[in-house]
Amino acid sequence: MIITFNGKTCTIPKPCTILQFLETSGKASLPMMVKLNGSLIQQKDLKDFWLKEHDVLSVVLFMGGG
């Protein structure tokens, strides 16, 4: 299944939720802003949205620094 993740084409082997996809990167627990096909998704709802063929997923992580 092909999706676009942060502007790059990405192939995922099977359907999964946004949360499952992000867990594979180890970043699922970090504060972030997530948009799916242009719509903002709250972090608490990531487990409820399934990725589909040609979806566009954008994720911005909030990092502290100084």
PDB file of N, CA and C in Angstrom:
ATOM      1  N   MET A   1       0.850  -1.167   0.000  1.00  0.00           N
ATOM      2  CA  MET A   1       0.000   0.000   0.000  1.00  0.00           C
ATOM      3  C   MET A   1       0.900   1.235   0.000  1.00  0.00           C
ATOM      4  N   ILE A   2       0.590   2.188  -0.855  1.00  0.00           N
ATOM      5  CA  ILE A   2       1.417   3.392  -0.991  1.00  0.00           C
ATOM      6  C   ILE A   2       0.716   4.587  -0.348  1.00  0.00           C
ATOM      7  N   ILE A   3       1.464   5.303   0.506  1.00  0.00           N
ATOM      8  CA  ILE A   3       0.984   6.549   1.103  1.00  0.00           C
ATOM      9  C   ILE A   3       2.080   7.604   0.921  1.00  0.00           C
ATOM     10  N   THR A   4       1.735   8.839   1.202  1.00  0.00           N
ATOM     11  CA  THR A   4       2.733   9.904   1.243  1.00  0.00           C
ATOM     12  C   THR A   4       2.895  10.307   2.706  1.00  0.00           C
ATOM     13  N   PHE A   5       4.136  10.213   3.199  1.00  0.00           N
ATOM     14  CA  PHE A   5       4.437  10.541   4.583  1.00  0.00           C
ATOM     15  C   PHE A   5       5.456  11.672   4.603  1.00  0.00           C
ATOM     16  N   ASN A   6       5.036  12.814   5.133  1.00  0.00           N
ATOM     17  CA  ASN A   6       5.894  14.008   5.201  1.00  0.00           C
ATOM     18  C   ASN A   6       6.530  14.318   3.850  1.00  0.00           C
ATOM     19  N   GLY A   7       5.717  14.233   2.798  1.00  0.00           N
ATOM     20  CA  GLY A   7       6.156  14.626   1.473  1.00  0.00           C
ATOM     21  C   GLY A   7       6.878  13.561   0.667  1.00  0.00           C
ATOM     22  N   LYS A   8       7.092  12.385   1.254  1.00  0.00           N
ATOM     23  CA  LYS A   8       7.801  11.315   0.548  1.00  0.00           C
ATOM     24  C   LYS A   8       6.888  10.110   0.371  1.00  0.00           C
ATOM     25  N   THR A   9       6.989   9.483  -0.802  1.00  0.00           N
ATOM     26  CA  THR A   9       6.217   8.273  -1.058  1.00  0.00           C
ATOM     27  C   THR A   9       6.754   7.150  -0.186  1.00  0.00           C
ATOM     28  N   CYS A  10       5.844   6.415   0.417  1.00  0.00           N
ATOM     29  CA  CYS A  10       6.205   5.377   1.375  1.00  0.00           C
ATOM     30  C   CYS A  10       5.318   4.160   1.111  1.00  0.00           C
ATOM     31  N   THR A  11       5.894   2.980   1.154  1.00  0.00           N
ATOM     32  CA  THR A  11       5.121   1.750   0.993  1.00  0.00           C
ATOM     33  C   THR A  11       5.003   1.077   2.353  1.00  0.00           C
ATOM     34  N   ILE A  12       3.778   0.758   2.741  1.00  0.00           N
ATOM     35  CA  ILE A  12       3.567   0.017   3.978  1.00  0.00           C
ATOM     36  C   ILE A  12       2.997  -1.351   3.610  1.00  0.00           C
ATOM     37  N   PRO A  13       3.425  -2.406   4.313  1.00  0.00           N
ATOM     38  CA  PRO A  13       3.076  -3.767   3.898  1.00  0.00           C
ATOM     39  C   PRO A  13       1.620  -4.161   4.097  1.00  0.00           C
ATOM     40  N   LYS A  14       0.944  -3.527   5.062  1.00  0.00           N
ATOM     41  CA  LYS A  14      -0.443  -3.904   5.326  1.00  0.00           C
ATOM     42  C   LYS A  14      -1.187  -2.712   5.899  1.00  0.00           C
ATOM     43  N   PRO A  15      -2.515  -2.732   5.828  1.00  0.00           N
ATOM     44  CA  PRO A  15      -3.276  -1.634   6.429  1.00  0.00           C
ATOM     45  C   PRO A  15      -2.967  -1.523   7.927  1.00  0.00           C
ATOM     46  N   CYS A  16      -2.906  -0.283   8.410  1.00  0.00           N
ATOM     47  CA  CYS A  16      -2.647  -0.052   9.829  1.00  0.00           C
ATOM     48  C   CYS A  16      -3.231   1.295  10.224  1.00  0.00           C
ATOM     49  N   THR A  17      -3.338   1.508  11.524  1.00  0.00           N
ATOM     50  CA  THR A  17      -3.794   2.808  12.013  1.00  0.00           C
ATOM     51  C   THR A  17      -2.617   3.779  11.981  1.00  0.00           C
ATOM     52  N   ILE A  18      -2.935   5.061  12.116  1.00  0.00           N
ATOM     53  CA  ILE A  18      -1.855   6.060  12.184  1.00  0.00           C
ATOM     54  C   ILE A  18      -0.951   5.745  13.370  1.00  0.00           C
ATOM     55  N   LEU A  19      -1.543   5.379  14.501  1.00  0.00           N
ATOM     56  CA  LEU A  19      -0.755   5.075  15.694  1.00  0.00           C
ATOM     57  C   LEU A  19       0.181   3.902  15.436  1.00  0.00           C
ATOM     58  N   GLN A  20      -0.309   2.839  14.820  1.00  0.00           N
ATOM     59  CA  GLN A  20       0.549   1.690  14.524  1.00  0.00           C
ATOM     60  C   GLN A  20       1.699   2.091  13.598  1.00  0.00           C
ATOM     61  N   PHE A  21       1.410   2.911  12.596  1.00  0.00           N
ATOM     62  CA  PHE A  21       2.446   3.382  11.684  1.00  0.00           C
ATOM     63  C   PHE A  21       3.510   4.169  12.441  1.00  0.00           C
ATOM     64  N   LEU A  22       3.088   5.066  13.323  1.00  0.00           N
ATOM     65  CA  LEU A  22       4.043   5.894  14.069  1.00  0.00           C
ATOM     66  C   LEU A  22       4.819   5.077  15.100  1.00  0.00           C
ATOM     67  N   GLU A  23       4.207   4.030  15.639  1.00  0.00           N
ATOM     68  CA  GLU A  23       4.902   3.178  16.609  1.00  0.00           C
ATOM     69  C   GLU A  23       6.104   2.484  15.972  1.00  0.00           C
ATOM     70  N   THR A  24       6.029   2.190  14.683  1.00  0.00           N
ATOM     71  CA  THR A  24       7.163   1.538  14.020  1.00  0.00           C
ATOM     72  C   THR A  24       8.384   2.452  13.981  1.00  0.00           C
ATOM     73  N   SER A  25       8.174   3.761  14.077  1.00  0.00           N
ATOM     74  CA  SER A  25       9.293   4.704  14.078  1.00  0.00           C
ATOM     75  C   SER A  25       9.768   5.035  15.489  1.00  0.00           C
ATOM     76  N   GLY A  26       9.046   4.566  16.502  1.00  0.00           N
ATOM     77  CA  GLY A  26       9.427   4.837  17.884  1.00  0.00           C
ATOM     78  C   GLY A  26       9.094   6.235  18.366  1.00  0.00           C
ATOM     79  N   LYS A  27       8.267   6.960  17.606  1.00  0.00           N
ATOM     80  CA  LYS A  27       7.968   8.346  17.958  1.00  0.00           C
ATOM     81  C   LYS A  27       6.515   8.548  18.398  1.00  0.00           C
ATOM     82  N   ALA A  28       5.771   7.491  18.547  1.00  0.00           N
ATOM     83  CA  ALA A  28       4.343   7.605  18.814  1.00  0.00           C
ATOM     84  C   ALA A  28       4.032   8.306  20.137  1.00  0.00           C
ATOM     85  N   SER A  29       4.953   8.274  21.087  1.00  0.00           N
ATOM     86  CA  SER A  29       4.671   8.869  22.399  1.00  0.00           C
ATOM     87  C   SER A  29       5.110  10.327  22.506  1.00  0.00           C
ATOM     88  N   LEU A  30       5.762  10.858  21.466  1.00  0.00           N
ATOM     89  CA  LEU A  30       6.228  12.250  21.501  1.00  0.00           C
ATOM     90  C   LEU A  30       5.096  13.217  21.170  1.00  0.00           C
ATOM     91  N   PRO A  31       5.151  14.441  21.703  1.00  0.00           N
ATOM     92  CA  PRO A  31       4.146  15.439  21.325  1.00  0.00           C
ATOM     93  C   PRO A  31       4.268  15.756  19.834  1.00  0.00           C
ATOM     94  N   MET A  32       3.134  15.790  19.150  1.00  0.00           N
ATOM     95  CA  MET A  32       3.165  16.010  17.711  1.00  0.00           C
ATOM     96  C   MET A  32       1.855  16.576  17.199  1.00  0.00           C
ATOM     97  N   MET A  33       1.928  17.091  15.981  1.00  0.00           N
ATOM     98  CA  MET A  33       0.748  17.509  15.255  1.00  0.00           C
ATOM     99  C   MET A  33       0.638  16.571  14.056  1.00  0.00           C
ATOM    100  N   VAL A  34      -0.548  16.013  13.845  1.00  0.00           N
ATOM    101  CA  VAL A  34      -0.749  15.040  12.772  1.00  0.00           C
ATOM    102  C   VAL A  34      -1.885  15.513  11.873  1.00  0.00           C
ATOM    103  N   LYS A  35      -1.620  15.497  10.563  1.00  0.00           N
ATOM    104  CA  LYS A  35      -2.659  15.801   9.583  1.00  0.00           C
ATOM    105  C   LYS A  35      -2.781  14.611   8.641  1.00  0.00           C
ATOM    106  N   LEU A  36      -4.020  14.209   8.385  1.00  0.00           N
ATOM    107  CA  LEU A  36      -4.309  13.145   7.436  1.00  0.00           C
ATOM    108  C   LEU A  36      -5.165  13.734   6.330  1.00  0.00           C
ATOM    109  N   ASN A  37      -4.629  13.738   5.120  1.00  0.00           N
ATOM    110  CA  ASN A  37      -5.324  14.307   3.964  1.00  0.00           C
ATOM    111  C   ASN A  37      -5.805  15.732   4.232  1.00  0.00           C
ATOM    112  N   GLY A  38      -4.970  16.504   4.949  1.00  0.00           N
ATOM    113  CA  GLY A  38      -5.261  17.907   5.206  1.00  0.00           C
ATOM    114  C   GLY A  38      -6.081  18.189   6.450  1.00  0.00           C
ATOM    115  N   SER A  39      -6.562  17.138   7.118  1.00  0.00           N
ATOM    116  CA  SER A  39      -7.376  17.318   8.335  1.00  0.00           C
ATOM    117  C   SER A  39      -6.547  17.012   9.570  1.00  0.00           C
ATOM    118  N   LEU A  40      -6.613  17.901  10.545  1.00  0.00           N
ATOM    119  CA  LEU A  40      -5.886  17.732  11.795  1.00  0.00           C
ATOM    120  C   LEU A  40      -6.506  16.592  12.601  1.00  0.00           C
ATOM    121  N   ILE A  41      -5.662  15.690  13.098  1.00  0.00           N
ATOM    122  CA  ILE A  41      -6.108  14.554  13.903  1.00  0.00           C
ATOM    123  C   ILE A  41      -5.524  14.724  15.303  1.00  0.00           C
ATOM    124  N   GLN A  42      -6.371  14.657  16.314  1.00  0.00           N
ATOM    125  CA  GLN A  42      -5.883  14.783  17.680  1.00  0.00           C
ATOM    126  C   GLN A  42      -5.090  13.529  18.052  1.00  0.00           C
ATOM    127  N   GLN A  43      -4.067  13.720  18.864  1.00  0.00           N
ATOM    128  CA  GLN A  43      -3.185  12.620  19.223  1.00  0.00           C
ATOM    129  C   GLN A  43      -3.954  11.474  19.889  1.00  0.00           C
ATOM    130  N   LYS A  44      -4.968  11.784  20.668  1.00  0.00           N
ATOM    131  CA  LYS A  44      -5.751  10.741  21.345  1.00  0.00           C
ATOM    132  C   LYS A  44      -6.576   9.904  20.363  1.00  0.00           C
ATOM    133  N   ASP A  45      -6.760  10.391  19.134  1.00  0.00           N
ATOM    134  CA  ASP A  45      -7.574   9.686  18.140  1.00  0.00           C
ATOM    135  C   ASP A  45      -6.757   8.922  17.104  1.00  0.00           C
ATOM    136  N   LEU A  46      -5.442   8.912  17.216  1.00  0.00           N
ATOM    137  CA  LEU A  46      -4.599   8.275  16.204  1.00  0.00           C
ATOM    138  C   LEU A  46      -4.892   6.784  16.044  1.00  0.00           C
ATOM    139  N   LYS A  47      -5.366   6.152  17.109  1.00  0.00           N
ATOM    140  CA  LYS A  47      -5.666   4.721  17.052  1.00  0.00           C
ATOM    141  C   LYS A  47      -6.951   4.418  16.277  1.00  0.00           C
ATOM    142  N   ASP A  48      -7.738   5.444  15.994  1.00  0.00           N
ATOM    143  CA  ASP A  48      -9.035   5.255  15.345  1.00  0.00           C
ATOM    144  C   ASP A  48      -9.021   5.498  13.836  1.00  0.00           C
ATOM    145  N   PHE A  49      -7.922   6.014  13.304  1.00  0.00           N
ATOM    146  CA  PHE A  49      -7.850   6.343  11.876  1.00  0.00           C
ATOM    147  C   PHE A  49      -6.951   5.348  11.147  1.00  0.00           C
ATOM    148  N   TRP A  50      -7.549   4.640  10.189  1.00  0.00           N
ATOM    149  CA  TRP A  50      -6.819   3.654   9.389  1.00  0.00           C
ATOM    150  C   TRP A  50      -6.264   4.313   8.135  1.00  0.00           C
ATOM    151  N   LEU A  51      -5.018   4.031   7.831  1.00  0.00           N
ATOM    152  CA  LEU A  51      -4.404   4.532   6.604  1.00  0.00           C
ATOM    153  C   LEU A  51      -4.920   3.733   5.416  1.00  0.00           C
ATOM    154  N   LYS A  52      -5.180   4.448   4.317  1.00  0.00           N
ATOM    155  CA  LYS A  52      -5.671   3.828   3.096  1.00  0.00           C
ATOM    156  C   LYS A  52      -4.735   4.198   1.949  1.00  0.00           C
ATOM    157  N   GLU A  53      -4.841   3.447   0.867  1.00  0.00           N
ATOM    158  CA  GLU A  53      -4.036   3.696  -0.328  1.00  0.00           C
ATOM    159  C   GLU A  53      -4.108   5.167  -0.727  1.00  0.00           C
ATOM    160  N   HIS A  54      -2.960   5.765  -0.975  1.00  0.00           N
ATOM    161  CA  HIS A  54      -2.796   7.157  -1.444  1.00  0.00           C
ATOM    162  C   HIS A  54      -3.136   8.218  -0.392  1.00  0.00           C
ATOM    163  N   ASP A  55      -3.249   7.842   0.883  1.00  0.00           N
ATOM    164  CA  ASP A  55      -3.429   8.845   1.932  1.00  0.00           C
ATOM    165  C   ASP A  55      -2.173   9.712   2.022  1.00  0.00           C
ATOM    166  N   VAL A  56      -2.371  10.935   2.500  1.00  0.00           N
ATOM    167  CA  VAL A  56      -1.260  11.870   2.723  1.00  0.00           C
ATOM    168  C   VAL A  56      -1.206  12.147   4.222  1.00  0.00           C
ATOM    169  N   LEU A  57      -0.118  11.710   4.853  1.00  0.00           N
ATOM    170  CA  LEU A  57       0.069  11.852   6.293  1.00  0.00           C
ATOM    171  C   LEU A  57       1.221  12.810   6.545  1.00  0.00           C
ATOM    172  N   SER A  58       0.964  13.837   7.363  1.00  0.00           N
ATOM    173  CA  SER A  58       2.000  14.812   7.726  1.00  0.00           C
ATOM    174  C   SER A  58       2.110  14.833   9.249  1.00  0.00           C
ATOM    175  N   VAL A  59       3.338  14.746   9.735  1.00  0.00           N
ATOM    176  CA  VAL A  59       3.588  14.734  11.175  1.00  0.00           C
ATOM    177  C   VAL A  59       4.683  15.734  11.494  1.00  0.00           C
ATOM    178  N   VAL A  60       4.404  16.583  12.478  1.00  0.00           N
ATOM    179  CA  VAL A  60       5.400  17.543  12.974  1.00  0.00           C
ATOM    180  C   VAL A  60       5.595  17.240  14.453  1.00  0.00           C
ATOM    181  N   LEU A  61       6.838  16.904  14.820  1.00  0.00           N
ATOM    182  CA  LEU A  61       7.162  16.638  16.228  1.00  0.00           C
ATOM    183  C   LEU A  61       7.523  17.940  16.919  1.00  0.00           C
ATOM    184  N   PHE A  62       7.101  18.081  18.163  1.00  0.00           N
ATOM    185  CA  PHE A  62       7.440  19.250  18.963  1.00  0.00           C
ATOM    186  C   PHE A  62       8.644  18.883  19.835  1.00  0.00           C
ATOM    187  N   MET A  63       9.765  19.548  19.593  1.00  0.00           N
ATOM    188  CA  MET A  63      10.994  19.261  20.315  1.00  0.00           C
ATOM    189  C   MET A  63      11.405  20.483  21.133  1.00  0.00           C
ATOM    190  N   GLY A  64      11.830  20.229  22.335  1.00  0.00           N
ATOM    191  CA  GLY A  64      12.346  21.298  23.176  1.00  0.00           C
ATOM    192  C   GLY A  64      13.817  21.519  22.886  1.00  0.00           C
ATOM    193  N   GLY A  65      14.300  22.622  23.278  1.00  0.00           N
ATOM    194  CA  GLY A  65      15.719  22.896  23.060  1.00  0.00           C
ATOM    195  C   GLY A  65      16.098  24.240  23.643  1.00  0.00           C
ATOM    196  N   GLY A  66      17.300  24.574  23.509  1.00  0.00           N
ATOM    197  CA  GLY A  66      17.708  25.841  24.073  1.00  0.00           C
ATOM    198  C   GLY A  66      18.981  26.357  23.530  1.00  0.00           C
TER     199      GLY A  66
END
